[in-house]
Protein backbone atom coordinates (compact mmCIF):
# COMPACT_ATOMS: atom_id res chain seq x y z
CA UNK A 1 73.24 219.27 -46.13
CA UNK A 2 76.92 219.23 -46.55
CA UNK A 3 78.70 215.70 -47.33
CA UNK A 4 82.22 215.13 -47.44
CA UNK A 5 84.26 212.09 -48.75
CA UNK A 6 88.21 212.17 -48.08
CA UNK A 7 90.59 209.83 -49.63
CA UNK A 8 94.23 209.85 -48.50
CA UNK A 9 95.79 209.07 -51.94
CA UNK A 10 93.64 212.01 -53.51
CA UNK A 11 94.93 214.25 -50.92
CA UNK A 12 98.63 213.23 -51.55
CA UNK A 13 97.91 213.68 -55.49
CA UNK A 14 96.77 216.94 -54.77
CA UNK A 15 100.14 218.04 -52.84
CA UNK A 16 98.32 218.68 -49.78
CA UNK A 17 98.16 217.06 -46.05
CA UNK A 18 95.03 215.75 -44.23
CA UNK A 19 95.86 218.72 -41.72
CA UNK A 20 95.79 221.18 -44.58
CA UNK A 21 92.70 219.87 -46.40
CA UNK A 22 90.93 220.01 -42.92
CA UNK A 23 92.14 223.57 -42.30
CA UNK A 24 90.93 224.47 -46.04
CA UNK A 25 87.38 222.53 -44.96
CA UNK A 26 86.80 224.36 -41.92
CA UNK A 27 87.83 228.19 -43.43
CA UNK A 28 85.52 227.47 -46.50
CA UNK A 29 82.59 226.54 -43.80
CA UNK A 30 83.68 229.62 -41.92
CA UNK A 31 84.06 227.43 -38.81
CA UNK A 32 85.38 229.09 -35.68
CA UNK A 33 88.15 226.65 -34.69
CA UNK A 34 89.03 228.03 -31.47
CA UNK A 35 85.58 227.98 -30.67
CA UNK A 36 84.95 224.68 -31.64
CA UNK A 37 87.69 223.29 -29.50
CA UNK A 38 86.58 224.82 -26.48
CA UNK A 39 83.19 223.32 -26.95
CA UNK A 40 85.12 219.94 -27.49
CA UNK A 41 86.85 220.28 -24.23
CA UNK A 42 83.93 221.55 -22.50
CA UNK A 43 82.30 218.23 -23.54
CA UNK A 44 85.11 215.91 -22.56
CA UNK A 45 85.89 214.88 -26.37
CA UNK A 46 88.93 216.75 -26.23
CA UNK A 47 92.25 217.01 -23.72
CA UNK A 48 95.34 218.28 -23.36
CA UNK A 49 97.97 215.51 -24.52
CA UNK A 50 101.17 215.70 -22.00
CA UNK A 51 104.71 214.07 -22.56
CA UNK A 52 106.35 212.27 -19.44
CA UNK A 53 107.11 215.56 -17.60
CA UNK A 54 103.47 216.28 -17.54
CA UNK A 55 103.99 219.23 -19.88
CA UNK A 56 101.29 220.12 -22.44
CA UNK A 57 102.40 218.98 -25.83
CA UNK A 58 99.34 219.54 -27.53
CA UNK A 59 95.52 218.09 -27.71
CA UNK A 60 94.31 214.67 -28.44
CA UNK A 61 90.83 213.13 -28.70
CA UNK A 62 89.60 211.36 -25.63
CA UNK A 63 87.60 207.94 -25.76
CA UNK A 64 84.40 209.88 -26.05
CA UNK A 65 85.54 212.16 -28.62
CA UNK A 66 86.97 209.17 -30.89
CA UNK A 67 83.77 207.61 -30.21
CA UNK A 68 81.82 210.53 -31.53
CA UNK A 69 83.89 210.88 -34.63
CA UNK A 70 83.82 207.01 -35.46
CA UNK A 71 79.75 207.52 -35.09
CA UNK A 72 79.65 210.30 -37.49
CA UNK A 73 82.01 208.75 -40.08
CA UNK A 74 80.13 205.77 -40.00
CA UNK A 75 76.43 207.07 -40.09
CA UNK A 76 77.76 209.21 -42.85
CA UNK A 77 79.36 206.22 -45.06
CA UNK A 78 76.52 204.46 -47.21
CA UNK A 79 78.85 201.63 -48.39
CA UNK A 80 77.90 199.77 -45.20
CA UNK A 81 74.77 197.97 -46.47
CA UNK A 82 74.32 195.49 -43.55
CA UNK A 83 70.76 195.94 -42.67
CA UNK A 84 69.85 197.20 -39.26
CA UNK A 85 67.90 193.60 -38.06
CA UNK A 86 71.32 191.98 -39.29
CA UNK A 87 73.49 193.63 -37.01
CA UNK A 88 71.00 193.80 -34.25
CA UNK A 89 70.70 189.98 -34.39
CA UNK A 90 74.38 189.58 -34.62
CA UNK A 91 74.94 192.06 -31.56
CA UNK A 92 72.35 189.89 -29.54
CA UNK A 93 74.07 186.99 -30.19
CA UNK A 94 77.68 188.29 -29.49
CA UNK A 95 76.13 189.61 -26.15
CA UNK A 96 75.36 186.03 -25.07
CA UNK A 97 78.99 184.66 -25.77
CA UNK A 98 79.92 186.96 -23.23
CA UNK A 99 79.64 186.85 -19.33
CA UNK A 100 76.58 188.39 -17.54
CA UNK A 101 77.13 191.38 -15.38
CA UNK A 102 79.95 193.55 -14.66
CA UNK A 103 83.78 192.99 -15.16
CA UNK A 104 85.05 192.17 -11.51
CA UNK A 105 86.47 194.95 -9.81
CA UNK A 106 85.15 197.50 -12.45
CA UNK A 107 81.51 199.37 -13.05
CA UNK A 108 81.77 198.34 -16.58
CA UNK A 109 79.45 195.88 -18.06
CA UNK A 110 81.10 192.95 -20.00
CA UNK A 111 78.78 193.82 -22.83
CA UNK A 112 76.75 197.03 -23.71
CA UNK A 113 73.24 197.40 -25.11
CA UNK A 114 72.42 195.84 -28.20
CA UNK A 115 72.65 199.52 -30.16
CA UNK A 116 75.87 200.22 -28.77
CA UNK A 117 77.08 196.94 -29.76
CA UNK A 118 75.95 197.59 -33.20
CA UNK A 119 77.93 200.69 -33.47
CA UNK A 120 81.25 198.75 -32.57
CA UNK A 121 80.37 196.36 -35.31
CA UNK A 122 79.99 198.97 -38.09
CA UNK A 123 83.21 200.71 -37.13
CA UNK A 124 84.59 197.29 -37.39
CA UNK A 125 83.16 196.56 -40.91
CA UNK A 126 84.03 200.17 -42.10
CA UNK A 127 87.79 199.35 -41.01
CA UNK A 128 88.08 195.89 -41.97
CA UNK A 129 85.39 195.22 -44.71
CA UNK A 130 82.02 193.25 -44.69
CA UNK A 131 82.88 190.26 -46.32
CA UNK A 132 83.07 188.27 -42.73
CA UNK A 133 80.05 186.27 -42.11
CA UNK A 134 78.11 186.28 -38.61
CA UNK A 135 79.30 182.44 -37.88
CA UNK A 136 82.77 183.39 -38.18
CA UNK A 137 82.23 186.70 -36.07
CA UNK A 138 80.74 184.35 -33.62
CA UNK A 139 83.12 181.57 -33.49
CA UNK A 140 86.01 183.95 -33.02
CA UNK A 141 83.92 185.59 -29.90
CA UNK A 142 83.55 181.99 -28.50
CA UNK A 143 87.13 180.99 -29.13
CA UNK A 144 88.17 184.12 -27.54
CA UNK A 145 85.87 183.84 -24.24
CA UNK A 146 86.88 180.10 -24.12
CA UNK A 147 90.51 180.95 -24.01
CA UNK A 148 90.58 182.51 -20.80
CA UNK A 149 89.17 179.11 -18.97
CA UNK A 150 86.76 180.83 -16.76
CA UNK A 151 89.43 183.17 -15.63
CA UNK A 152 88.35 186.63 -17.01
CA UNK A 153 90.58 189.02 -15.02
CA UNK A 154 92.49 190.25 -18.11
CA UNK A 155 89.74 189.83 -20.98
CA UNK A 156 88.52 192.49 -22.74
CA UNK A 157 84.76 193.73 -23.02
CA UNK A 158 83.10 192.73 -26.07
CA UNK A 159 83.19 196.38 -27.42
CA UNK A 160 87.10 196.28 -27.01
CA UNK A 161 87.21 192.85 -28.28
CA UNK A 162 85.17 193.95 -31.63
CA UNK A 163 87.32 197.33 -32.02
CA UNK A 164 89.42 199.52 -30.14
CA UNK A 165 91.84 202.47 -30.67
CA UNK A 166 94.89 202.67 -28.65
CA UNK A 167 98.06 204.97 -28.37
CA UNK A 168 100.79 203.68 -30.27
CA UNK A 169 104.45 203.90 -29.16
CA UNK A 170 104.99 207.27 -31.61
CA UNK A 171 102.09 208.85 -30.17
CA UNK A 172 99.87 208.00 -33.10
CA UNK A 173 96.14 206.43 -32.54
CA UNK A 174 96.43 202.96 -33.56
CA UNK A 175 93.46 200.57 -34.27
CA UNK A 176 93.54 197.24 -32.59
CA UNK A 177 90.92 194.22 -32.98
CA UNK A 178 91.05 190.98 -30.95
CA UNK A 179 87.90 190.02 -33.29
CA UNK A 180 90.16 190.31 -36.37
CA UNK A 181 92.93 188.69 -34.92
CA UNK A 182 90.97 185.53 -34.12
CA UNK A 183 89.29 185.39 -37.46
CA UNK A 184 92.52 185.60 -39.57
CA UNK A 185 94.24 183.07 -37.26
CA UNK A 186 91.20 180.48 -37.16
CA UNK A 187 92.18 176.99 -36.36
CA UNK A 188 95.89 177.73 -35.56
CA UNK A 189 95.34 177.39 -31.86
CA UNK A 190 94.18 173.94 -32.20
CA UNK A 191 97.08 172.64 -34.11
CA UNK A 192 99.62 174.37 -31.60
CA UNK A 193 97.76 172.69 -29.24
CA UNK A 194 98.07 169.44 -30.65
CA UNK A 195 101.79 169.74 -31.26
CA UNK A 196 102.28 170.64 -27.80
CA UNK A 197 100.54 167.62 -26.66
CA UNK A 198 102.98 165.56 -29.01
CA UNK A 199 105.92 166.94 -27.57
CA UNK A 200 105.10 166.32 -24.49
């Protein structure tokens, strides 16, 4: 069974780019890149990237592809030591915070099944570290949902609240986490609210 761990600094120190390293890995393991690309396209994990004139300018991972890649990275990472039972318990509590049923006007549920929420939490811990307590995460979720005052039209689904990848201005994939934002800014909303009340 092959295990590969890559570090951006180590790649740079050896005078290579991530693309060059991946090509070397594929070549070393006798990977047929064209066949692999076609299979990813057929499975809906890879799609053409187009410019404003709808001209194909390359390839990009779909949401399905990005999720699959994140799952492989997370399942390969032994540094995330949080137990399955703890993650399932946290996922169940988070699910209770968000509304039941589907988001209005969509076929999407506010909260996925427990196993899928656990996956998203693993990605969060991989990206931002494992030092955050369950209480911090739950409080952040409660404050986020409460901030919409019952009007949930523009509220993110639970999975996207925890973590989401979006296309940046320079067409690069950028991580986004409302959960991280609320944890880092804990308590600031209350202070601002009090200040606004005073100046009125």
